[in-house]
Amino acid sequence: MQSLWMLLACAMFAMMGALIKVAADGTASLPEIVLFRGLPSVLLLFFWARSTRRRLRPVSWRFHIWRNLSGILSMWLGFYALSHLALPTAISLNYTAPLFIGGWMLFFGGAQRDPVRVMAVLAGFLGVLGVLRPSIEHDQWLAALLGLAAGALSAVAMMQIRQLGRIGEPEWRTVLIFSMGASLSGLAGIAINGWHTRTPLTVLALIGLGVAGLVGQLAMTRAFGLGSTLLTAALQYTTIIFAALIGVVFWGDRPAPLAWAGMALIIASGMLSVWRTHAEARILRGISEHSAAGARPQEADAP
């Protein structure tokens, strides 16, 4: 179930990326895109929560503050990188987030310190490089470093999502509070730079990217709260596959053979991580059943 939630999130984020491309082509500014990334989530989740009498107060403000600071700053830095680097390079830097998660888990992850799943994350990133074939010019290092910082901050945000799931924070409230922060930051940018969107198609694209982002964020939050962080990190790379397919259908893109090989590597890394997680679950289940069977005779002899 965790895998299905993450695949849904990847498909929604790929759709959101396509709608961001449509909105940007329609002269939407960066603050407008950031605003609409959060606004539909705020409206839909707030009115749903009020109509069903859900509690709006979070379980822990501390985790939400760190999640919002890291996630919103990552969003702005990632968009800065997109505006100053070639698209493949900027996206590749954004997808270093699972690498930071993998490194953290390898050295500090305790029970999840699993080199096999870390290797799945690394293989997935090699697949991303094959699909996107990034390059950095000599005068683009500042933007590249900021894009790398966006990936690191995105990893921090993902880990905070994991912590929020562990303490029992529901997915909808995590998404609502993050979306409120994103919307406020977008409004601040619009107050400084003004409003630029004019055409109905651009407005529809802005609304669509917000709805796709809402569904993707809810699905990703549920996936990170269900189980292995590294499994979710490895499956995140499938966003590239969905995005490539959208490009083929709607923009007539024709990926090179190296790109198709990269997609195959992405799929293989995700399958390896899925297999590893399921195998580990079977082993733990067997140990638990064996322990329970061994404990029953002792319980029968107890006074």
C-alpha atoms as a PDB file:
ATOM      1  CA  MET A   1       0.000   0.000   0.000  1.00  0.00           C
ATOM      2  CA  GLN A   2       2.900   2.352   0.747  1.00  0.00           C
ATOM      3  CA  SER A   3       4.209   1.830  -2.805  1.00  0.00           C
ATOM      4  CA  LEU A   4       0.822   2.605  -4.370  1.00  0.00           C
ATOM      5  CA  TRP A   5       0.485   5.845  -2.389  1.00  0.00           C
ATOM      6  CA  MET A   6       3.948   6.959  -3.485  1.00  0.00           C
ATOM      7  CA  LEU A   7       3.311   6.091  -7.146  1.00  0.00           C
ATOM      8  CA  LEU A   8       0.113   8.160  -7.035  1.00  0.00           C
ATOM      9  CA  ALA A   9       2.094  11.042  -5.541  1.00  0.00           C
ATOM     10  CA  CYS A  10       4.717  10.770  -8.300  1.00  0.00           C
ATOM     11  CA  ALA A  11       2.059  10.828 -11.024  1.00  0.00           C
ATOM     12  CA  MET A  12       0.434  13.908  -9.477  1.00  0.00           C
ATOM     13  CA  PHE A  13       3.749  15.736  -9.107  1.00  0.00           C
ATOM     14  CA  ALA A  14       4.599  14.981 -12.747  1.00  0.00           C
ATOM     15  CA  MET A  15       1.214  16.440 -13.763  1.00  0.00           C
ATOM     16  CA  MET A  16       1.876  19.438 -11.544  1.00  0.00           C
ATOM     17  CA  GLY A  17       5.228  19.975 -13.274  1.00  0.00           C
ATOM     18  CA  ALA A  18       3.535  19.901 -16.677  1.00  0.00           C
ATOM     19  CA  LEU A  19       0.950  22.460 -15.539  1.00  0.00           C
ATOM     20  CA  ILE A  20       3.717  24.671 -14.123  1.00  0.00           C
ATOM     21  CA  LYS A  21       5.272  24.601 -17.605  1.00  0.00           C
ATOM     22  CA  VAL A  22       1.935  25.661 -19.141  1.00  0.00           C
ATOM     23  CA  ALA A  23       1.491  28.425 -16.546  1.00  0.00           C
ATOM     24  CA  ALA A  24       5.035  29.733 -17.003  1.00  0.00           C
ATOM     25  CA  ASP A  25       4.559  29.803 -20.779  1.00  0.00           C
ATOM     26  CA  GLY A  26       1.455  31.897 -20.088  1.00  0.00           C
ATOM     27  CA  THR A  27       3.561  34.542 -18.272  1.00  0.00           C
ATOM     28  CA  ALA A  28       2.665  33.468 -14.718  1.00  0.00           C
ATOM     29  CA  SER A  29       5.316  34.739 -12.307  1.00  0.00           C
ATOM     30  CA  LEU A  30       7.138  32.642  -9.705  1.00  0.00           C
ATOM     31  CA  PRO A  31       5.174  34.080  -6.728  1.00  0.00           C
ATOM     32  CA  GLU A  32       1.897  33.335  -8.543  1.00  0.00           C
ATOM     33  CA  ILE A  33       2.940  29.718  -9.112  1.00  0.00           C
ATOM     34  CA  VAL A  34       3.960  29.375  -5.449  1.00  0.00           C
ATOM     35  CA  LEU A  35       0.652  30.922  -4.326  1.00  0.00           C
ATOM     36  CA  PHE A  36      -1.445  28.537  -6.400  1.00  0.00           C
ATOM     37  CA  ARG A  37       0.726  25.622  -5.327  1.00  0.00           C
ATOM     38  CA  GLY A  38      -0.749  26.100  -1.860  1.00  0.00           C
ATOM     39  CA  LEU A  39      -4.056  27.987  -2.233  1.00  0.00           C
ATOM     40  CA  PRO A  40      -6.367  25.159  -3.465  1.00  0.00           C
ATOM     41  CA  SER A  41      -5.082  22.934  -0.659  1.00  0.00           C
ATOM     42  CA  VAL A  42      -5.811  25.623   1.929  1.00  0.00           C
ATOM     43  CA  LEU A  43      -9.366  26.240   0.680  1.00  0.00           C
ATOM     44  CA  LEU A  44     -10.393  22.610   0.145  1.00  0.00           C
ATOM     45  CA  LEU A  45      -8.828  21.215   3.316  1.00  0.00           C
ATOM     46  CA  PHE A  46      -9.974  24.068   5.553  1.00  0.00           C
ATOM     47  CA  PHE A  47     -13.624  23.875   4.511  1.00  0.00           C
ATOM     48  CA  TRP A  48     -13.550  20.077   4.631  1.00  0.00           C
ATOM     49  CA  ALA A  49     -12.112  20.166   8.149  1.00  0.00           C
ATOM     50  CA  ARG A  50     -14.695  22.707   9.316  1.00  0.00           C
ATOM     51  CA  SER A  51     -17.620  20.813   7.776  1.00  0.00           C
ATOM     52  CA  THR A  52     -16.531  17.549   9.407  1.00  0.00           C
ATOM     53  CA  ARG A  53     -15.602  19.271  12.692  1.00  0.00           C
ATOM     54  CA  ARG A  54     -11.975  18.190  12.557  1.00  0.00           C
ATOM     55  CA  ARG A  55      -9.531  19.703  15.011  1.00  0.00           C
ATOM     56  CA  LEU A  56      -7.302  22.289  13.322  1.00  0.00           C
ATOM     57  CA  ARG A  57      -4.780  22.597  16.143  1.00  0.00           C
ATOM     58  CA  PRO A  58      -1.736  20.394  15.345  1.00  0.00           C
ATOM     59  CA  VAL A  59      -0.234  17.759  17.604  1.00  0.00           C
ATOM     60  CA  SER A  60       3.163  19.485  17.556  1.00  0.00           C
ATOM     61  CA  TRP A  61       3.915  22.980  16.300  1.00  0.00           C
ATOM     62  CA  ARG A  62       7.668  22.305  16.471  1.00  0.00           C
ATOM     63  CA  PHE A  63       7.700  19.657  13.729  1.00  0.00           C
ATOM     64  CA  HIS A  64       5.377  21.748  11.564  1.00  0.00           C
ATOM     65  CA  ILE A  65       7.594  24.818  11.884  1.00  0.00           C
ATOM     66  CA  TRP A  66      10.681  22.892  10.785  1.00  0.00           C
ATOM     67  CA  ARG A  67       8.739  21.156   7.996  1.00  0.00           C
ATOM     68  CA  ASN A  68       7.422  24.494   6.693  1.00  0.00           C
ATOM     69  CA  LEU A  69      10.712  26.372   6.941  1.00  0.00           C
ATOM     70  CA  SER A  70      12.630  23.654   5.134  1.00  0.00           C
ATOM     71  CA  GLY A  71       9.902  22.854   2.590  1.00  0.00           C
ATOM     72  CA  ILE A  72       9.044  26.426   1.615  1.00  0.00           C
ATOM     73  CA  LEU A  73      12.688  27.507   1.393  1.00  0.00           C
ATOM     74  CA  SER A  74      13.414  24.415  -0.692  1.00  0.00           C
ATOM     75  CA  MET A  75      10.550  25.353  -3.020  1.00  0.00           C
ATOM     76  CA  TRP A  76      11.855  28.882  -3.602  1.00  0.00           C
ATOM     77  CA  LEU A  77      15.483  27.758  -4.050  1.00  0.00           C
ATOM     78  CA  GLY A  78      14.363  25.054  -6.457  1.00  0.00           C
ATOM     79  CA  PHE A  79      12.454  27.591  -8.548  1.00  0.00           C
ATOM     80  CA  TYR A  80      15.493  29.896  -8.491  1.00  0.00           C
ATOM     81  CA  ALA A  81      17.617  27.062  -9.852  1.00  0.00           C
ATOM     82  CA  LEU A  82      14.999  26.379 -12.531  1.00  0.00           C
ATOM     83  CA  SER A  83      15.165  30.013 -13.650  1.00  0.00           C
ATOM     84  CA  HIS A  84      18.975  30.121 -13.876  1.00  0.00           C
ATOM     85  CA  LEU A  85      19.928  26.587 -14.986  1.00  0.00           C
ATOM     86  CA  ALA A  86      18.972  24.271 -17.777  1.00  0.00           C
ATOM     87  CA  LEU A  87      15.826  22.356 -16.860  1.00  0.00           C
ATOM     88  CA  PRO A  88      17.502  18.894 -16.722  1.00  0.00           C
ATOM     89  CA  THR A  89      20.236  20.205 -14.429  1.00  0.00           C
ATOM     90  CA  ALA A  90      17.824  21.906 -12.029  1.00  0.00           C
ATOM     91  CA  ILE A  91      15.555  18.867 -11.783  1.00  0.00           C
ATOM     92  CA  SER A  92      18.517  16.556 -11.197  1.00  0.00           C
ATOM     93  CA  LEU A  93      19.680  18.749  -8.319  1.00  0.00           C
ATOM     94  CA  ASN A  94      16.175  18.711  -6.852  1.00  0.00           C
ATOM     95  CA  TYR A  95      16.219  14.914  -6.949  1.00  0.00           C
ATOM     96  CA  THR A  96      19.275  14.735  -4.720  1.00  0.00           C
ATOM     97  CA  ALA A  97      16.853  14.773  -1.757  1.00  0.00           C
ATOM     98  CA  PRO A  98      16.646  10.948  -1.584  1.00  0.00           C
ATOM     99  CA  LEU A  99      20.455  10.812  -1.641  1.00  0.00           C
ATOM    100  CA  PHE A 100      20.606  12.971   1.487  1.00  0.00           C
ATOM    101  CA  ILE A 101      17.978  10.717   3.088  1.00  0.00           C
ATOM    102  CA  GLY A 102      19.922   7.622   2.064  1.00  0.00           C
ATOM    103  CA  GLY A 103      23.171   8.992   3.497  1.00  0.00           C
ATOM    104  CA  TRP A 104      21.461   9.932   6.752  1.00  0.00           C
ATOM    105  CA  MET A 105      19.868   6.495   7.076  1.00  0.00           C
ATOM    106  CA  LEU A 106      23.135   4.715   6.274  1.00  0.00           C
ATOM    107  CA  PHE A 107      25.081   6.454   9.036  1.00  0.00           C
ATOM    108  CA  PHE A 108      22.399   7.411  11.574  1.00  0.00           C
ATOM    109  CA  GLY A 109      19.323   5.399  10.605  1.00  0.00           C
ATOM    110  CA  GLY A 110      19.459   2.717  13.282  1.00  0.00           C
ATOM    111  CA  ALA A 111      17.094  -0.078  12.282  1.00  0.00           C
ATOM    112  CA  GLN A 112      16.767   1.282   8.743  1.00  0.00           C
ATOM    113  CA  ARG A 113      20.524   1.280   8.104  1.00  0.00           C
ATOM    114  CA  ASP A 114      20.174  -0.928   5.048  1.00  0.00           C
ATOM    115  CA  PRO A 115      22.945  -0.681   2.391  1.00  0.00           C
ATOM    116  CA  VAL A 116      20.780  -2.510  -0.167  1.00  0.00           C
ATOM    117  CA  ARG A 117      18.086   0.146  -0.083  1.00  0.00           C
ATOM    118  CA  VAL A 118      20.714   2.897  -0.039  1.00  0.00           C
ATOM    119  CA  MET A 119      22.158   1.356  -3.207  1.00  0.00           C
ATOM    120  CA  ALA A 120      18.644   1.379  -4.690  1.00  0.00           C
ATOM    121  CA  VAL A 121      18.476   5.129  -4.052  1.00  0.00           C
ATOM    122  CA  LEU A 122      21.896   5.661  -5.660  1.00  0.00           C
ATOM    123  CA  ALA A 123      20.918   3.540  -8.670  1.00  0.00           C
ATOM    124  CA  GLY A 124      17.732   5.553  -9.034  1.00  0.00           C
ATOM    125  CA  PHE A 125      19.694   8.793  -9.113  1.00  0.00           C
ATOM    126  CA  LEU A 126      21.994   7.365 -11.805  1.00  0.00           C
ATOM    127  CA  GLY A 127      18.824   6.668 -13.760  1.00  0.00           C
ATOM    128  CA  VAL A 128      17.771  10.297 -13.285  1.00  0.00           C
ATOM    129  CA  LEU A 129      21.124  11.424 -14.681  1.00  0.00           C
ATOM    130  CA  GLY A 130      20.612   9.162 -17.677  1.00  0.00           C
ATOM    131  CA  VAL A 131      17.172  10.624 -18.355  1.00  0.00           C
ATOM    132  CA  LEU A 132      18.091  14.261 -17.811  1.00  0.00           C
ATOM    133  CA  ARG A 133      21.807  14.373 -18.766  1.00  0.00           C
ATOM    134  CA  PRO A 134      22.563  17.486 -16.694  1.00  0.00           C
ATOM    135  CA  SER A 135      25.386  19.954 -17.296  1.00  0.00           C
ATOM    136  CA  ILE A 136      26.661  22.983 -15.375  1.00  0.00           C
ATOM    137  CA  GLU A 137      28.507  25.894 -17.000  1.00  0.00           C
ATOM    138  CA  HIS A 138      31.353  27.719 -15.263  1.00  0.00           C
ATOM    139  CA  ASP A 139      29.163  30.764 -14.464  1.00  0.00           C
ATOM    140  CA  GLN A 140      26.284  28.713 -13.007  1.00  0.00           C
ATOM    141  CA  TRP A 141      27.866  27.349  -9.856  1.00  0.00           C
ATOM    142  CA  LEU A 142      25.951  29.652  -7.486  1.00  0.00           C
ATOM    143  CA  ALA A 143      22.607  28.580  -8.933  1.00  0.00           C
ATOM    144  CA  ALA A 144      23.778  24.954  -8.871  1.00  0.00           C
ATOM    145  CA  LEU A 145      24.751  25.196  -5.194  1.00  0.00           C
ATOM    146  CA  LEU A 146      21.372  26.753  -4.383  1.00  0.00           C
ATOM    147  CA  GLY A 147      19.668  23.944  -6.308  1.00  0.00           C
ATOM    148  CA  LEU A 148      21.676  21.416  -4.294  1.00  0.00           C
ATOM    149  CA  ALA A 149      20.620  23.241  -1.112  1.00  0.00           C
ATOM    150  CA  ALA A 150      17.013  22.890  -2.287  1.00  0.00           C
ATOM    151  CA  GLY A 151      17.520  19.117  -2.490  1.00  0.00           C
ATOM    152  CA  ALA A 152      19.029  18.999   1.000  1.00  0.00           C
ATOM    153  CA  LEU A 153      16.208  21.090   2.476  1.00  0.00           C
ATOM    154  CA  SER A 154      13.665  18.911   0.704  1.00  0.00           C
ATOM    155  CA  ALA A 155      15.228  15.911   2.450  1.00  0.00           C
ATOM    156  CA  VAL A 156      14.853  17.690   5.800  1.00  0.00           C
ATOM    157  CA  ALA A 157      11.200  18.391   5.001  1.00  0.00           C
ATOM    158  CA  MET A 158      10.607  14.738   4.102  1.00  0.00           C
ATOM    159  CA  MET A 159      12.118  13.587   7.377  1.00  0.00           C
ATOM    160  CA  GLN A 160       9.878  16.016   9.259  1.00  0.00           C
ATOM    161  CA  ILE A 161       6.874  14.561   7.425  1.00  0.00           C
ATOM    162  CA  ARG A 162       7.996  11.158   8.660  1.00  0.00           C
ATOM    163  CA  GLN A 163       8.202  12.437  12.239  1.00  0.00           C
ATOM    164  CA  LEU A 164       4.761  14.031  11.993  1.00  0.00           C
ATOM    165  CA  GLY A 165       3.327  10.703  10.847  1.00  0.00           C
ATOM    166  CA  ARG A 166       4.968   8.918  13.774  1.00  0.00           C
ATOM    167  CA  ILE A 167       3.425  11.225  16.374  1.00  0.00           C
ATOM    168  CA  GLY A 168      -0.025  10.718  14.891  1.00  0.00           C
ATOM    169  CA  GLU A 169      -0.465  13.932  12.899  1.00  0.00           C
ATOM    170  CA  PRO A 170      -3.029  13.271  10.133  1.00  0.00           C
ATOM    171  CA  GLU A 171      -1.911  13.819   6.561  1.00  0.00           C
ATOM    172  CA  TRP A 172      -4.526  16.455   5.778  1.00  0.00           C
ATOM    173  CA  ARG A 173      -3.388  18.733   8.632  1.00  0.00           C
ATOM    174  CA  THR A 174       0.282  18.433   7.652  1.00  0.00           C
ATOM    175  CA  VAL A 175      -0.602  19.408   4.080  1.00  0.00           C
ATOM    176  CA  LEU A 176      -2.924  22.219   5.228  1.00  0.00           C
ATOM    177  CA  ILE A 177      -0.322  23.908   7.425  1.00  0.00           C
ATOM    178  CA  PHE A 178       2.386  23.612   4.766  1.00  0.00           C
ATOM    179  CA  SER A 179       0.041  24.982   2.095  1.00  0.00           C
ATOM    180  CA  MET A 180      -0.828  27.953   4.293  1.00  0.00           C
ATOM    181  CA  GLY A 181       2.870  28.790   4.638  1.00  0.00           C
ATOM    182  CA  ALA A 182       3.454  28.420   0.894  1.00  0.00           C
ATOM    183  CA  SER A 183       0.456  30.623   0.089  1.00  0.00           C
ATOM    184  CA  LEU A 184       1.586  33.354   2.469  1.00  0.00           C
ATOM    185  CA  SER A 185       5.074  33.358   0.945  1.00  0.00           C
ATOM    186  CA  GLY A 186       3.543  33.592  -2.537  1.00  0.00           C
ATOM    187  CA  LEU A 187       1.328  36.498  -1.473  1.00  0.00           C
ATOM    188  CA  ALA A 188       4.379  38.292  -0.099  1.00  0.00           C
ATOM    189  CA  GLY A 189       6.116  37.875  -3.463  1.00  0.00           C
ATOM    190  CA  ILE A 190       3.060  39.163  -5.361  1.00  0.00           C
ATOM    191  CA  ALA A 191       2.879  42.187  -3.042  1.00  0.00           C
ATOM    192  CA  ILE A 192       6.430  43.041  -4.098  1.00  0.00           C
ATOM    193  CA  ASN A 193       6.339  42.140  -7.817  1.00  0.00           C
ATOM    194  CA  GLY A 194       2.665  42.563  -8.709  1.00  0.00           C
ATOM    195  CA  TRP A 195       0.243  40.287 -10.602  1.00  0.00           C
ATOM    196  CA  HIS A 196       1.147  39.191 -14.145  1.00  0.00           C
ATOM    197  CA  THR A 197      -1.317  36.444 -15.145  1.00  0.00           C
ATOM    198  CA  ARG A 198      -3.903  37.569 -17.706  1.00  0.00           C
ATOM    199  CA  THR A 199      -5.180  34.679 -19.876  1.00  0.00           C
ATOM    200  CA  PRO A 200      -7.890  32.154 -18.813  1.00  0.00           C
ATOM    201  CA  LEU A 201      -5.667  29.217 -19.856  1.00  0.00           C
ATOM    202  CA  THR A 202      -2.940  30.369 -17.471  1.00  0.00           C
ATOM    203  CA  VAL A 203      -5.464  30.725 -14.643  1.00  0.00           C
ATOM    204  CA  LEU A 204      -6.750  27.190 -15.315  1.00  0.00           C
ATOM    205  CA  ALA A 205      -3.174  25.885 -15.327  1.00  0.00           C
ATOM    206  CA  LEU A 206      -2.500  27.585 -11.982  1.00  0.00           C
ATOM    207  CA  ILE A 207      -5.639  26.052 -10.449  1.00  0.00           C
ATOM    208  CA  GLY A 208      -4.806  22.643 -11.916  1.00  0.00           C
ATOM    209  CA  LEU A 209      -1.255  22.615 -10.573  1.00  0.00           C
ATOM    210  CA  GLY A 210      -2.611  23.457  -7.125  1.00  0.00           C
ATOM    211  CA  VAL A 211      -5.109  20.567  -7.185  1.00  0.00           C
ATOM    212  CA  ALA A 212      -2.485  18.130  -8.505  1.00  0.00           C
ATOM    213  CA  GLY A 213      -0.096  19.324  -5.812  1.00  0.00           C
ATOM    214  CA  LEU A 214      -2.778  18.769  -3.145  1.00  0.00           C
ATOM    215  CA  VAL A 215      -3.409  15.158  -4.186  1.00  0.00           C
ATOM    216  CA  GLY A 216       0.312  14.489  -4.573  1.00  0.00           C
ATOM    217  CA  GLN A 217       1.142  15.993  -1.185  1.00  0.00           C
ATOM    218  CA  LEU A 218      -1.555  13.976   0.588  1.00  0.00           C
ATOM    219  CA  ALA A 219      -0.401  10.756  -1.079  1.00  0.00           C
ATOM    220  CA  MET A 220       3.286  11.433  -0.349  1.00  0.00           C
ATOM    221  CA  THR A 221       2.552  12.306   3.284  1.00  0.00           C
ATOM    222  CA  ARG A 222       0.606   9.048   3.691  1.00  0.00           C
ATOM    223  CA  ALA A 223       3.448   7.073   2.049  1.00  0.00           C
ATOM    224  CA  PHE A 224       6.126   8.560   4.318  1.00  0.00           C
ATOM    225  CA  GLY A 225       3.975   7.861   7.366  1.00  0.00           C
ATOM    226  CA  LEU A 226       3.378   4.184   6.560  1.00  0.00           C
ATOM    227  CA  GLY A 227       6.799   2.537   6.549  1.00  0.00           C
ATOM    228  CA  SER A 228      10.321   2.543   5.118  1.00  0.00           C
ATOM    229  CA  THR A 229      11.647   6.023   4.357  1.00  0.00           C
ATOM    230  CA  LEU A 230      14.182   4.622   1.880  1.00  0.00           C
ATOM    231  CA  LEU A 231      11.500   2.694  -0.014  1.00  0.00           C
ATOM    232  CA  THR A 232       9.558   5.910  -0.451  1.00  0.00           C
ATOM    233  CA  ALA A 233      12.732   7.774  -1.450  1.00  0.00           C
ATOM    234  CA  ALA A 234      13.585   5.227  -4.143  1.00  0.00           C
ATOM    235  CA  LEU A 235      10.063   5.230  -5.583  1.00  0.00           C
ATOM    236  CA  GLN A 236      10.134   9.024  -5.750  1.00  0.00           C
ATOM    237  CA  TYR A 237      12.298   8.768  -8.862  1.00  0.00           C
ATOM    238  CA  THR A 238       9.347   7.421 -10.847  1.00  0.00           C
ATOM    239  CA  THR A 239       8.189  11.040 -11.127  1.00  0.00           C
ATOM    240  CA  ILE A 240      10.787  11.325 -13.904  1.00  0.00           C
ATOM    241  CA  ILE A 241       9.141   8.470 -15.819  1.00  0.00           C
ATOM    242  CA  PHE A 242       5.667   9.998 -15.539  1.00  0.00           C
ATOM    243  CA  ALA A 243       7.070  13.377 -16.609  1.00  0.00           C
ATOM    244  CA  ALA A 244       8.828  11.845 -19.615  1.00  0.00           C
ATOM    245  CA  LEU A 245       5.606  10.129 -20.721  1.00  0.00           C
ATOM    246  CA  ILE A 246       3.650  13.375 -20.370  1.00  0.00           C
ATOM    247  CA  GLY A 247       6.295  15.077 -22.500  1.00  0.00           C
ATOM    248  CA  VAL A 248       5.955  12.416 -25.208  1.00  0.00           C
ATOM    249  CA  VAL A 249       2.142  12.665 -25.314  1.00  0.00           C
ATOM    250  CA  PHE A 250       1.618  16.431 -25.045  1.00  0.00           C
ATOM    251  CA  TRP A 251       4.873  18.018 -26.262  1.00  0.00           C
ATOM    252  CA  GLY A 252       6.067  15.422 -28.741  1.00  0.00           C
ATOM    253  CA  ASP A 253       9.319  14.764 -26.876  1.00  0.00           C
ATOM    254  CA  ARG A 254      11.426  11.847 -28.088  1.00  0.00           C
ATOM    255  CA  PRO A 255      13.725  10.573 -25.293  1.00  0.00           C
ATOM    256  CA  ALA A 256      17.144   9.321 -26.424  1.00  0.00           C
ATOM    257  CA  PRO A 257      18.151   5.656 -25.891  1.00  0.00           C
ATOM    258  CA  LEU A 258      20.210   6.721 -22.854  1.00  0.00           C
ATOM    259  CA  ALA A 259      17.072   8.267 -21.377  1.00  0.00           C
ATOM    260  CA  TRP A 260      15.085   5.040 -21.819  1.00  0.00           C
ATOM    261  CA  ALA A 261      17.952   3.144 -20.180  1.00  0.00           C
ATOM    262  CA  GLY A 262      17.785   5.595 -17.289  1.00  0.00           C
ATOM    263  CA  MET A 263      14.048   4.970 -16.914  1.00  0.00           C
ATOM    264  CA  ALA A 264      14.708   1.221 -16.800  1.00  0.00           C
ATOM    265  CA  LEU A 265      17.268   1.791 -14.037  1.00  0.00           C
ATOM    266  CA  ILE A 266      14.767   3.928 -12.119  1.00  0.00           C
ATOM    267  CA  ILE A 267      12.166   1.146 -12.301  1.00  0.00           C
ATOM    268  CA  ALA A 268      14.739  -1.470 -11.279  1.00  0.00           C
ATOM    269  CA  SER A 269      15.833   0.562  -8.258  1.00  0.00           C
ATOM    270  CA  GLY A 270      12.240   0.957  -7.115  1.00  0.00           C
ATOM    271  CA  MET A 271      11.538  -2.771  -7.560  1.00  0.00           C
ATOM    272  CA  LEU A 272      14.706  -3.637  -5.609  1.00  0.00           C
ATOM    273  CA  SER A 273      13.633  -1.438  -2.740  1.00  0.00           C
ATOM    274  CA  VAL A 274      10.105  -2.884  -2.788  1.00  0.00           C
ATOM    275  CA  TRP A 275      11.496  -6.435  -2.757  1.00  0.00           C
ATOM    276  CA  ARG A 276      13.852  -5.614   0.094  1.00  0.00           C
ATOM    277  CA  THR A 277      11.077  -4.108   2.171  1.00  0.00           C
ATOM    278  CA  HIS A 278       8.693  -7.013   1.611  1.00  0.00           C
ATOM    279  CA  ALA A 279      11.432  -9.586   2.322  1.00  0.00           C
ATOM    280  CA  GLU A 280      12.305  -7.791   5.555  1.00  0.00           C
ATOM    281  CA  ALA A 281       8.636  -7.722   6.558  1.00  0.00           C
ATOM    282  CA  ARG A 282       8.328 -11.500   5.975  1.00  0.00           C
ATOM    283  CA  ILE A 283      11.427 -12.165   8.095  1.00  0.00           C
ATOM    284  CA  LEU A 284      10.150 -10.002  10.946  1.00  0.00           C
ATOM    285  CA  ARG A 285       6.737 -11.646  10.730  1.00  0.00           C
ATOM    286  CA  GLY A 286       8.351 -15.083  10.909  1.00  0.00           C
ATOM    287  CA  ILE A 287      10.437 -14.099  13.922  1.00  0.00           C
ATOM    288  CA  SER A 288       7.370 -12.717  15.667  1.00  0.00           C
ATOM    289  CA  GLU A 289       5.347 -15.886  15.012  1.00  0.00           C
ATOM    290  CA  HIS A 290       8.233 -18.074  16.180  1.00  0.00           C
ATOM    291  CA  SER A 291       8.619 -16.032  19.371  1.00  0.00           C
ATOM    292  CA  ALA A 292       4.889 -16.246  20.044  1.00  0.00           C
ATOM    293  CA  ALA A 293       4.907 -20.029  19.514  1.00  0.00           C
ATOM    294  CA  GLY A 294       7.853 -20.418  21.895  1.00  0.00           C
ATOM    295  CA  ALA A 295       6.217 -18.277  24.538  1.00  0.00           C
ATOM    296  CA  ARG A 296       2.906 -20.156  24.670  1.00  0.00           C
ATOM    297  CA  PRO A 297       4.121 -23.231  26.639  1.00  0.00           C
ATOM    298  CA  GLN A 298       5.717 -20.985  29.236  1.00  0.00           C
ATOM    299  CA  GLU A 299       2.507 -19.021  29.599  1.00  0.00           C
ATOM    300  CA  ALA A 300       0.579 -22.278  30.124  1.00  0.00           C
ATOM    301  CA  ASP A 301       2.890 -23.330  32.977  1.00  0.00           C
ATOM    302  CA  ALA A 302       2.654 -19.983  34.719  1.00  0.00           C
ATOM    303  CA  PRO A 303       0.568 -19.960  37.943  1.00  0.00           C
END
